[in-house]
C-alpha cells in the first residue's frame, strides 16, 4: 500500500473521502495536518509592534548588562 498526503480544496471533499473509506477503498490516517513552517513565518505578526519593540529593547539591555563586569 502507498501513503499519499493530500490537501482538501473543497468543503465537501472530506465527506467524499469518508464515503470512500466506508467502501474500504482508502483509510484516513489524519484529519488535521499542520504544515511545517519556519518559526519566523509561523510567528510573524503575533505581537503588536509596540510590544515587540519594547521586548527587543529589553533583550538588548539584558545582553549589555551581562557583558558588564560587576
PDB file of N, CA and C in Angstrom:
ATOM      1  N   UNK A   1       0.838  -1.184   0.000  1.00  0.00           N
ATOM      2  CA  UNK A   1       0.000   0.000   0.000  1.00  0.00           C
ATOM      3  C   UNK A   1       0.880   1.243   0.000  1.00  0.00           C
ATOM      4  N   UNK A   2       0.400   2.293  -0.639  1.00  0.00           N
ATOM      5  CA  UNK A   2       1.100   3.566  -0.670  1.00  0.00           C
ATOM      6  C   UNK A   2       0.370   4.576   0.200  1.00  0.00           C
ATOM      7  N   UNK A   3       1.127   5.506   0.745  1.00  0.00           N
ATOM      8  CA  UNK A   3       0.560   6.598   1.533  1.00  0.00           C
ATOM      9  C   UNK A   3       0.738   7.880   0.753  1.00  0.00           C
ATOM     10  N   UNK A   4      -0.321   8.683   0.673  1.00  0.00           N
ATOM     11  CA  UNK A   4      -0.266   9.955  -0.053  1.00  0.00           C
ATOM     12  C   UNK A   4      -0.818  11.050   0.845  1.00  0.00           C
ATOM     13  N   UNK A   5      -0.178  12.187   0.804  1.00  0.00           N
ATOM     14  CA  UNK A   5      -0.650  13.357   1.531  1.00  0.00           C
ATOM     15  C   UNK A   5      -1.405  14.233   0.543  1.00  0.00           C
ATOM     16  N   UNK A   6      -2.633  14.592   0.900  1.00  0.00           N
ATOM     17  CA  UNK A   6      -3.451  15.405   0.002  1.00  0.00           C
ATOM     18  C   UNK A   6      -3.921  16.658   0.734  1.00  0.00           C
ATOM     19  N   UNK A   7      -4.212  17.682  -0.023  1.00  0.00           N
ATOM     20  CA  UNK A   7      -4.767  18.918   0.543  1.00  0.00           C
ATOM     21  C   UNK A   7      -6.183  19.078   0.008  1.00  0.00           C
ATOM     22  N   UNK A   8      -7.137  19.214   0.915  1.00  0.00           N
ATOM     23  CA  UNK A   8      -8.541  19.349   0.526  1.00  0.00           C
ATOM     24  C   UNK A   8      -8.797  20.765   0.036  1.00  0.00           C
ATOM     25  N   UNK A   9      -9.455  20.888  -1.106  1.00  0.00           N
ATOM     26  CA  UNK A   9      -9.709  22.204  -1.685  1.00  0.00           C
ATOM     27  C   UNK A   9     -11.192  22.586  -1.653  1.00  0.00           C
ATOM     28  N   UNK A  10     -12.030  21.695  -1.168  1.00  0.00           N
ATOM     29  CA  UNK A  10     -13.457  21.961  -1.128  1.00  0.00           C
ATOM     30  C   UNK A  10     -14.022  21.422   0.180  1.00  0.00           C
ATOM     31  N   UNK A  11     -15.081  22.049   0.679  1.00  0.00           N
ATOM     32  CA  UNK A  11     -15.667  21.620   1.949  1.00  0.00           C
ATOM     33  C   UNK A  11     -16.316  20.238   1.858  1.00  0.00           C
ATOM     34  N   UNK A  12     -16.768  19.832   0.693  1.00  0.00           N
ATOM     35  CA  UNK A  12     -17.415  18.531   0.546  1.00  0.00           C
ATOM     36  C   UNK A  12     -16.448  17.380   0.324  1.00  0.00           C
ATOM     37  N   UNK A  13     -15.167  17.688   0.188  1.00  0.00           N
ATOM     38  CA  UNK A  13     -14.190  16.660  -0.113  1.00  0.00           C
ATOM     39  C   UNK A  13     -14.057  15.652   1.015  1.00  0.00           C
ATOM     40  N   UNK A  14     -14.075  16.101   2.260  1.00  0.00           N
ATOM     41  CA  UNK A  14     -13.927  15.185   3.385  1.00  0.00           C
ATOM     42  C   UNK A  14     -15.083  14.201   3.433  1.00  0.00           C
ATOM     43  N   UNK A  15     -16.276  14.657   3.109  1.00  0.00           N
ATOM     44  CA  UNK A  15     -17.430  13.754   3.084  1.00  0.00           C
ATOM     45  C   UNK A  15     -17.204  12.658   2.047  1.00  0.00           C
ATOM     46  N   UNK A  16     -16.708  13.047   0.889  1.00  0.00           N
ATOM     47  CA  UNK A  16     -16.425  12.082  -0.171  1.00  0.00           C
ATOM     48  C   UNK A  16     -15.347  11.088   0.268  1.00  0.00           C
ATOM     49  N   UNK A  17     -14.314  11.583   0.919  1.00  0.00           N
ATOM     50  CA  UNK A  17     -13.255  10.697   1.402  1.00  0.00           C
ATOM     51  C   UNK A  17     -13.783   9.714   2.445  1.00  0.00           C
ATOM     52  N   UNK A  18     -14.660  10.175   3.305  1.00  0.00           N
ATOM     53  CA  UNK A  18     -15.246   9.278   4.315  1.00  0.00           C
ATOM     54  C   UNK A  18     -16.116   8.210   3.656  1.00  0.00           C
ATOM     55  N   UNK A  19     -16.804   8.554   2.575  1.00  0.00           N
ATOM     56  CA  UNK A  19     -17.585   7.553   1.839  1.00  0.00           C
ATOM     57  C   UNK A  19     -16.672   6.510   1.208  1.00  0.00           C
ATOM     58  N   UNK A  20     -15.535   6.965   0.663  1.00  0.00           N
ATOM     59  CA  UNK A  20     -14.560   6.028   0.106  1.00  0.00           C
ATOM     60  C   UNK A  20     -13.960   5.139   1.189  1.00  0.00           C
ATOM     61  N   UNK A  21     -13.789   5.695   2.374  1.00  0.00           N
ATOM     62  CA  UNK A  21     -13.281   4.900   3.493  1.00  0.00           C
ATOM     63  C   UNK A  21     -14.318   3.844   3.897  1.00  0.00           C
ATOM     64  N   UNK A  22     -15.596   4.203   3.885  1.00  0.00           N
ATOM     65  CA  UNK A  22     -16.653   3.244   4.221  1.00  0.00           C
ATOM     66  C   UNK A  22     -16.700   2.099   3.216  1.00  0.00           C
ATOM     67  N   UNK A  23     -16.343   2.378   1.963  1.00  0.00           N
ATOM     68  CA  UNK A  23     -16.293   1.339   0.934  1.00  0.00           C
ATOM     69  C   UNK A  23     -14.986   0.544   0.973  1.00  0.00           C
ATOM     70  N   UNK A  24     -14.134   0.872   1.962  1.00  0.00           N
ATOM     71  CA  UNK A  24     -12.845   0.213   2.153  1.00  0.00           C
ATOM     72  C   UNK A  24     -11.915   0.395   0.951  1.00  0.00           C
ATOM     73  N   UNK A  25     -12.029   1.569   0.316  1.00  0.00           N
ATOM     74  CA  UNK A  25     -11.148   1.900  -0.793  1.00  0.00           C
ATOM     75  C   UNK A  25      -9.926   2.682  -0.319  1.00  0.00           C
ATOM     76  N   UNK A  26     -10.051   3.318   0.822  1.00  0.00           N
ATOM     77  CA  UNK A  26      -8.925   4.029   1.405  1.00  0.00           C
ATOM     78  C   UNK A  26      -9.134   4.104   2.905  1.00  0.00           C
ATOM     79  N   UNK A  27      -8.102   4.561   3.596  1.00  0.00           N
ATOM     80  CA  UNK A  27      -8.180   4.735   5.043  1.00  0.00           C
ATOM     81  C   UNK A  27      -7.640   6.121   5.374  1.00  0.00           C
ATOM     82  N   UNK A  28      -8.384   6.877   6.154  1.00  0.00           N
ATOM     83  CA  UNK A  28      -7.971   8.212   6.561  1.00  0.00           C
ATOM     84  C   UNK A  28      -7.084   8.069   7.789  1.00  0.00           C
ATOM     85  N   UNK A  29      -5.840   8.530   7.672  1.00  0.00           N
ATOM     86  CA  UNK A  29      -4.888   8.410   8.770  1.00  0.00           C
ATOM     87  C   UNK A  29      -4.956   9.604   9.703  1.00  0.00           C
ATOM     88  N   UNK A  30      -4.994  10.801   9.147  1.00  0.00           N
ATOM     89  CA  UNK A  30      -5.067  12.026   9.938  1.00  0.00           C
ATOM     90  C   UNK A  30      -6.102  12.939   9.309  1.00  0.00           C
ATOM     91  N   UNK A  31      -6.855  13.627  10.155  1.00  0.00           N
ATOM     92  CA  UNK A  31      -7.808  14.586   9.614  1.00  0.00           C
ATOM     93  C   UNK A  31      -7.250  15.996   9.646  1.00  0.00           C
ATOM     94  N   UNK A  32      -6.209  16.226  10.464  1.00  0.00           N
ATOM     95  CA  UNK A  32      -5.583  17.540  10.525  1.00  0.00           C
ATOM     96  C   UNK A  32      -4.092  17.367  10.327  1.00  0.00           C
ATOM     97  N   UNK A  33      -3.505  18.241   9.544  1.00  0.00           N
ATOM     98  CA  UNK A  33      -2.063  18.215   9.322  1.00  0.00           C
ATOM     99  C   UNK A  33      -1.549  19.637   9.361  1.00  0.00           C
ATOM    100  N   UNK A  34      -0.686  19.906  10.316  1.00  0.00           N
ATOM    101  CA  UNK A  34      -0.087  21.238  10.410  1.00  0.00           C
ATOM    102  C   UNK A  34       1.118  21.297   9.489  1.00  0.00           C
ATOM    103  N   UNK A  35       1.160  22.330   8.670  1.00  0.00           N
ATOM    104  CA  UNK A  35       2.293  22.495   7.782  1.00  0.00           C
ATOM    105  C   UNK A  35       3.520  22.888   8.592  1.00  0.00           C
ATOM    106  N   UNK A  36       4.661  22.353   8.219  1.00  0.00           N
ATOM    107  CA  UNK A  36       5.907  22.690   8.874  1.00  0.00           C
ATOM    108  C   UNK A  36       6.410  24.020   8.319  1.00  0.00           C
ATOM    109  N   UNK A  37       6.247  25.075   9.089  1.00  0.00           N
ATOM    110  CA  UNK A  37       6.692  26.406   8.682  1.00  0.00           C
ATOM    111  C   UNK A  37       7.904  26.801   9.513  1.00  0.00           C
ATOM    112  N   UNK A  38       8.797  27.587   8.936  1.00  0.00           N
ATOM    113  CA  UNK A  38       9.879  28.136   9.751  1.00  0.00           C
ATOM    114  C   UNK A  38       9.280  28.997  10.863  1.00  0.00           C
ATOM    115  N   UNK A  39       9.938  29.034  12.017  1.00  0.00           N
ATOM    116  CA  UNK A  39       9.400  29.796  13.139  1.00  0.00           C
ATOM    117  C   UNK A  39       9.209  31.268  12.793  1.00  0.00           C
ATOM    118  N   UNK A  40      10.093  31.813  11.940  1.00  0.00           N
ATOM    119  CA  UNK A  40       9.953  33.222  11.565  1.00  0.00           C
ATOM    120  C   UNK A  40       8.639  33.475  10.840  1.00  0.00           C
ATOM    121  N   UNK A  41       8.189  32.532  10.033  1.00  0.00           N
ATOM    122  CA  UNK A  41       6.905  32.690   9.337  1.00  0.00           C
ATOM    123  C   UNK A  41       5.738  32.318  10.236  1.00  0.00           C
ATOM    124  N   UNK A  42       5.939  31.329  11.090  1.00  0.00           N
ATOM    125  CA  UNK A  42       4.862  30.863  11.969  1.00  0.00           C
ATOM    126  C   UNK A  42       4.413  31.948  12.947  1.00  0.00           C
ATOM    127  N   UNK A  43       5.385  32.715  13.454  1.00  0.00           N
ATOM    128  CA  UNK A  43       5.054  33.697  14.477  1.00  0.00           C
ATOM    129  C   UNK A  43       5.078  35.141  13.985  1.00  0.00           C
ATOM    130  N   UNK A  44       5.161  35.357  12.697  1.00  0.00           N
ATOM    131  CA  UNK A  44       5.153  36.707  12.149  1.00  0.00           C
ATOM    132  C   UNK A  44       3.829  37.391  12.474  1.00  0.00           C
ATOM    133  N   UNK A  45       3.918  38.583  13.044  1.00  0.00           N
ATOM    134  CA  UNK A  45       2.721  39.363  13.337  1.00  0.00           C
ATOM    135  C   UNK A  45       1.970  38.944  14.571  1.00  0.00           C
ATOM    136  N   UNK A  46       2.546  38.111  15.426  1.00  0.00           N
ATOM    137  CA  UNK A  46       1.835  37.646  16.611  1.00  0.00           C
ATOM    138  C   UNK A  46       1.837  38.675  17.739  1.00  0.00           C
ATOM    139  N   UNK A  47       2.868  39.526  17.775  1.00  0.00           N
ATOM    140  CA  UNK A  47       2.937  40.583  18.790  1.00  0.00           C
ATOM    141  C   UNK A  47       2.654  41.922  18.138  1.00  0.00           C
ATOM    142  N   UNK A  48       1.969  42.799  18.866  1.00  0.00           N
ATOM    143  CA  UNK A  48       1.829  44.159  18.348  1.00  0.00           C
ATOM    144  C   UNK A  48       3.218  44.790  18.236  1.00  0.00           C
ATOM    145  N   UNK A  49       3.397  45.667  17.290  1.00  0.00           N
ATOM    146  CA  UNK A  49       4.701  46.267  17.021  1.00  0.00           C
ATOM    147  C   UNK A  49       5.273  46.959  18.258  1.00  0.00           C
ATOM    148  N   UNK A  50       4.441  47.666  19.016  1.00  0.00           N
ATOM    149  CA  UNK A  50       4.936  48.377  20.203  1.00  0.00           C
ATOM    150  C   UNK A  50       5.476  47.398  21.247  1.00  0.00           C
ATOM    151  N   UNK A  51       4.799  46.292  21.440  1.00  0.00           N
ATOM    152  CA  UNK A  51       5.247  45.281  22.397  1.00  0.00           C
ATOM    153  C   UNK A  51       6.537  44.633  21.898  1.00  0.00           C
ATOM    154  N   UNK A  52       6.611  44.363  20.618  1.00  0.00           N
ATOM    155  CA  UNK A  52       7.805  43.750  20.045  1.00  0.00           C
ATOM    156  C   UNK A  52       9.019  44.661  20.195  1.00  0.00           C
ATOM    157  N   UNK A  53       8.842  45.966  19.990  1.00  0.00           N
ATOM    158  CA  UNK A  53       9.950  46.918  20.141  1.00  0.00           C
ATOM    159  C   UNK A  53      10.411  46.992  21.591  1.00  0.00           C
ATOM    160  N   UNK A  54       9.467  47.016  22.537  1.00  0.00           N
ATOM    161  CA  UNK A  54       9.834  47.031  23.960  1.00  0.00           C
ATOM    162  C   UNK A  54      10.583  45.753  24.335  1.00  0.00           C
ATOM    163  N   UNK A  55      10.137  44.632  23.832  1.00  0.00           N
ATOM    164  CA  UNK A  55      10.803  43.361  24.103  1.00  0.00           C
ATOM    165  C   UNK A  55      12.210  43.353  23.523  1.00  0.00           C
ATOM    166  N   UNK A  56      12.368  43.858  22.317  1.00  0.00           N
ATOM    167  CA  UNK A  56      13.680  43.918  21.679  1.00  0.00           C
ATOM    168  C   UNK A  56      14.622  44.819  22.473  1.00  0.00           C
ATOM    169  N   UNK A  57      14.127  45.959  22.946  1.00  0.00           N
ATOM    170  CA  UNK A  57      14.940  46.851  23.778  1.00  0.00           C
ATOM    171  C   UNK A  57      15.353  46.161  25.076  1.00  0.00           C
ATOM    172  N   UNK A  58      14.435  45.462  25.693  1.00  0.00           N
ATOM    173  CA  UNK A  58      14.739  44.746  26.932  1.00  0.00           C
ATOM    174  C   UNK A  58      15.827  43.688  26.699  1.00  0.00           C
ATOM    175  N   UNK A  59      15.741  42.979  25.596  1.00  0.00           N
ATOM    176  CA  UNK A  59      16.740  41.961  25.272  1.00  0.00           C
ATOM    177  C   UNK A  59      18.107  42.603  25.077  1.00  0.00           C
ATOM    178  N   UNK A  60      18.168  43.720  24.349  1.00  0.00           N
ATOM    179  CA  UNK A  60      19.441  44.425  24.140  1.00  0.00           C
ATOM    180  C   UNK A  60      20.036  44.885  25.464  1.00  0.00           C
ATOM    181  N   UNK A  61      19.203  45.464  26.335  1.00  0.00           N
ATOM    182  CA  UNK A  61      19.681  45.923  27.639  1.00  0.00           C
ATOM    183  C   UNK A  61      20.178  44.754  28.480  1.00  0.00           C
ATOM    184  N   UNK A  62      19.475  43.657  28.452  1.00  0.00           N
ATOM    185  CA  UNK A  62      19.887  42.475  29.209  1.00  0.00           C
ATOM    186  C   UNK A  62      21.241  41.967  28.729  1.00  0.00           C
ATOM    187  N   UNK A  63      21.450  41.948  27.440  1.00  0.00           N
ATOM    188  CA  UNK A  63      22.730  41.500  26.894  1.00  0.00           C
ATOM    189  C   UNK A  63      23.852  42.444  27.285  1.00  0.00           C
ATOM    190  N   UNK A  64      23.584  43.746  27.271  1.00  0.00           N
ATOM    191  CA  UNK A  64      24.597  44.723  27.676  1.00  0.00           C
ATOM    192  C   UNK A  64      24.953  44.563  29.153  1.00  0.00           C
ATOM    193  N   UNK A  65      23.956  44.339  29.999  1.00  0.00           N
ATOM    194  CA  UNK A  65      24.206  44.135  31.424  1.00  0.00           C
ATOM    195  C   UNK A  65      25.022  42.869  31.653  1.00  0.00           C
ATOM    196  N   UNK A  66      24.781  41.846  30.884  1.00  0.00           N
ATOM    197  CA  UNK A  66      25.502  40.583  31.025  1.00  0.00           C
ATOM    198  C   UNK A  66      26.994  40.784  30.725  1.00  0.00           C
ATOM    199  N   UNK A  67      27.298  41.629  29.744  1.00  0.00           N
ATOM    200  CA  UNK A  67      28.694  41.874  29.361  1.00  0.00           C
ATOM    201  C   UNK A  67      29.409  42.802  30.325  1.00  0.00           C
ATOM    202  N   UNK A  68      28.690  43.584  31.111  1.00  0.00           N
ATOM    203  CA  UNK A  68      29.324  44.489  32.093  1.00  0.00           C
ATOM    204  C   UNK A  68      29.857  43.687  33.272  1.00  0.00           C
ATOM    205  N   UNK A  69      31.029  44.072  33.752  1.00  0.00           N
ATOM    206  CA  UNK A  69      31.588  43.436  34.951  1.00  0.00           C
ATOM    207  C   UNK A  69      30.893  43.996  36.175  1.00  0.00           C
ATOM    208  N   UNK A  70      30.702  43.170  37.129  1.00  0.00           N
ATOM    209  CA  UNK A  70      30.051  43.601  38.387  1.00  0.00           C
ATOM    210  C   UNK A  70      31.093  44.152  39.317  1.00  0.00           C
TER     211      UNK A  70
END
